[in-house]
């Protein structure tokens, strides 16, 4: 989980940078690129965390939590 926390701290830094860019009314193309980068980083952190949790459920043969995770994933 330490790796995920490090990733999330970097994403917070990216978001802070985006807010500063917005406040400074910087070029919209640059802002969009930064939004895309932050979104990709968040998606990656989510996937990493999901993988860790699913592996943990499988190792513990915890079908209840596995079902709960799958139910959360199916919600949109």
C-alpha atoms as a PDB file:
ATOM      1  CA  UNK A   1       0.000   0.000   0.000  1.00  0.00           C
ATOM      2  CA  UNK A   2       3.011   2.279   0.467  1.00  0.00           C
ATOM      3  CA  UNK A   3       3.506   2.486  -3.307  1.00  0.00           C
ATOM      4  CA  UNK A   4      -0.117   3.536  -3.764  1.00  0.00           C
ATOM      5  CA  UNK A   5       0.276   6.281  -1.152  1.00  0.00           C
ATOM      6  CA  UNK A   6       3.366   7.592  -2.941  1.00  0.00           C
ATOM      7  CA  UNK A   7       1.469   7.595  -6.236  1.00  0.00           C
ATOM      8  CA  UNK A   8      -1.456   9.440  -4.655  1.00  0.00           C
ATOM      9  CA  UNK A   9       0.845  12.100  -3.196  1.00  0.00           C
ATOM     10  CA  UNK A  10       2.275  12.675  -6.682  1.00  0.00           C
ATOM     11  CA  UNK A  11      -1.255  12.960  -8.074  1.00  0.00           C
ATOM     12  CA  UNK A  12      -2.090  15.540  -5.400  1.00  0.00           C
ATOM     13  CA  UNK A  13       0.935  17.482  -6.619  1.00  0.00           C
ATOM     14  CA  UNK A  14      -0.323  17.228 -10.194  1.00  0.00           C
ATOM     15  CA  UNK A  15      -3.775  18.472  -9.162  1.00  0.00           C
ATOM     16  CA  UNK A  16      -2.260  21.370  -7.233  1.00  0.00           C
ATOM     17  CA  UNK A  17      -0.311  22.260 -10.363  1.00  0.00           C
ATOM     18  CA  UNK A  18      -3.482  22.149 -12.458  1.00  0.00           C
ATOM     19  CA  UNK A  19      -5.280  24.447 -10.019  1.00  0.00           C
ATOM     20  CA  UNK A  20      -2.385  26.901 -10.235  1.00  0.00           C
ATOM     21  CA  UNK A  21      -2.495  26.741 -14.037  1.00  0.00           C
ATOM     22  CA  UNK A  22      -6.231  27.473 -13.941  1.00  0.00           C
ATOM     23  CA  UNK A  23      -5.745  30.391 -11.549  1.00  0.00           C
ATOM     24  CA  UNK A  24      -3.049  31.801 -13.823  1.00  0.00           C
ATOM     25  CA  UNK A  25      -5.292  31.270 -16.856  1.00  0.00           C
ATOM     26  CA  UNK A  26      -2.579  29.346 -18.675  1.00  0.00           C
ATOM     27  CA  UNK A  27      -3.012  27.868 -22.148  1.00  0.00           C
ATOM     28  CA  UNK A  28      -6.015  25.516 -22.193  1.00  0.00           C
ATOM     29  CA  UNK A  29      -4.163  22.878 -24.250  1.00  0.00           C
ATOM     30  CA  UNK A  30      -1.467  22.610 -21.576  1.00  0.00           C
ATOM     31  CA  UNK A  31      -4.128  22.363 -18.876  1.00  0.00           C
ATOM     32  CA  UNK A  32      -5.952  19.590 -20.728  1.00  0.00           C
ATOM     33  CA  UNK A  33      -2.690  17.660 -21.130  1.00  0.00           C
ATOM     34  CA  UNK A  34      -2.108  17.926 -17.375  1.00  0.00           C
ATOM     35  CA  UNK A  35      -5.678  16.798 -16.642  1.00  0.00           C
ATOM     36  CA  UNK A  36      -5.118  13.759 -18.878  1.00  0.00           C
ATOM     37  CA  UNK A  37      -1.829  12.964 -17.140  1.00  0.00           C
ATOM     38  CA  UNK A  38      -3.439  13.220 -13.691  1.00  0.00           C
ATOM     39  CA  UNK A  39      -6.357  11.045 -14.792  1.00  0.00           C
ATOM     40  CA  UNK A  40      -4.000   8.411 -16.197  1.00  0.00           C
ATOM     41  CA  UNK A  41      -1.979   8.449 -12.962  1.00  0.00           C
ATOM     42  CA  UNK A  42      -5.146   8.051 -10.881  1.00  0.00           C
ATOM     43  CA  UNK A  43      -6.364   5.205 -13.103  1.00  0.00           C
ATOM     44  CA  UNK A  44      -2.992   3.507 -12.690  1.00  0.00           C
ATOM     45  CA  UNK A  45      -3.032   3.900  -8.893  1.00  0.00           C
ATOM     46  CA  UNK A  46      -6.592   2.555  -8.796  1.00  0.00           C
ATOM     47  CA  UNK A  47      -5.644  -0.478 -10.899  1.00  0.00           C
ATOM     48  CA  UNK A  48      -2.627  -1.179  -8.703  1.00  0.00           C
ATOM     49  CA  UNK A  49      -4.698  -0.964  -5.529  1.00  0.00           C
ATOM     50  CA  UNK A  50      -7.466  -3.112  -7.018  1.00  0.00           C
ATOM     51  CA  UNK A  51      -4.944  -5.759  -8.024  1.00  0.00           C
ATOM     52  CA  UNK A  52      -3.458  -5.851  -4.517  1.00  0.00           C
ATOM     53  CA  UNK A  53      -6.893  -6.177  -2.905  1.00  0.00           C
ATOM     54  CA  UNK A  54      -8.082  -8.880  -5.285  1.00  0.00           C
ATOM     55  CA  UNK A  55      -4.883 -10.898  -4.781  1.00  0.00           C
ATOM     56  CA  UNK A  56      -5.324 -10.586  -1.029  1.00  0.00           C
ATOM     57  CA  UNK A  57      -8.921 -11.848  -1.270  1.00  0.00           C
ATOM     58  CA  UNK A  58      -7.822 -14.783  -3.409  1.00  0.00           C
ATOM     59  CA  UNK A  59      -4.998 -15.728  -1.068  1.00  0.00           C
ATOM     60  CA  UNK A  60      -7.315 -15.583   1.935  1.00  0.00           C
ATOM     61  CA  UNK A  61     -10.096 -17.286  -0.031  1.00  0.00           C
ATOM     62  CA  UNK A  62     -12.329 -14.400   1.034  1.00  0.00           C
ATOM     63  CA  UNK A  63     -15.239 -14.743  -1.368  1.00  0.00           C
ATOM     64  CA  UNK A  64     -17.415 -12.273   0.560  1.00  0.00           C
ATOM     65  CA  UNK A  65     -14.985  -9.381   0.086  1.00  0.00           C
ATOM     66  CA  UNK A  66     -14.319 -10.492  -3.485  1.00  0.00           C
ATOM     67  CA  UNK A  67     -18.038 -10.259  -4.237  1.00  0.00           C
ATOM     68  CA  UNK A  68     -18.225  -6.834  -2.574  1.00  0.00           C
ATOM     69  CA  UNK A  69     -15.305  -5.568  -4.681  1.00  0.00           C
ATOM     70  CA  UNK A  70     -16.872  -6.900  -7.865  1.00  0.00           C
ATOM     71  CA  UNK A  71     -20.204  -5.300  -6.940  1.00  0.00           C
ATOM     72  CA  UNK A  72     -18.468  -1.940  -6.426  1.00  0.00           C
ATOM     73  CA  UNK A  73     -16.747  -2.274  -9.800  1.00  0.00           C
ATOM     74  CA  UNK A  74     -20.007  -2.932 -11.588  1.00  0.00           C
ATOM     75  CA  UNK A  75     -21.541   0.322 -10.294  1.00  0.00           C
ATOM     76  CA  UNK A  76     -21.207   3.294 -12.592  1.00  0.00           C
END
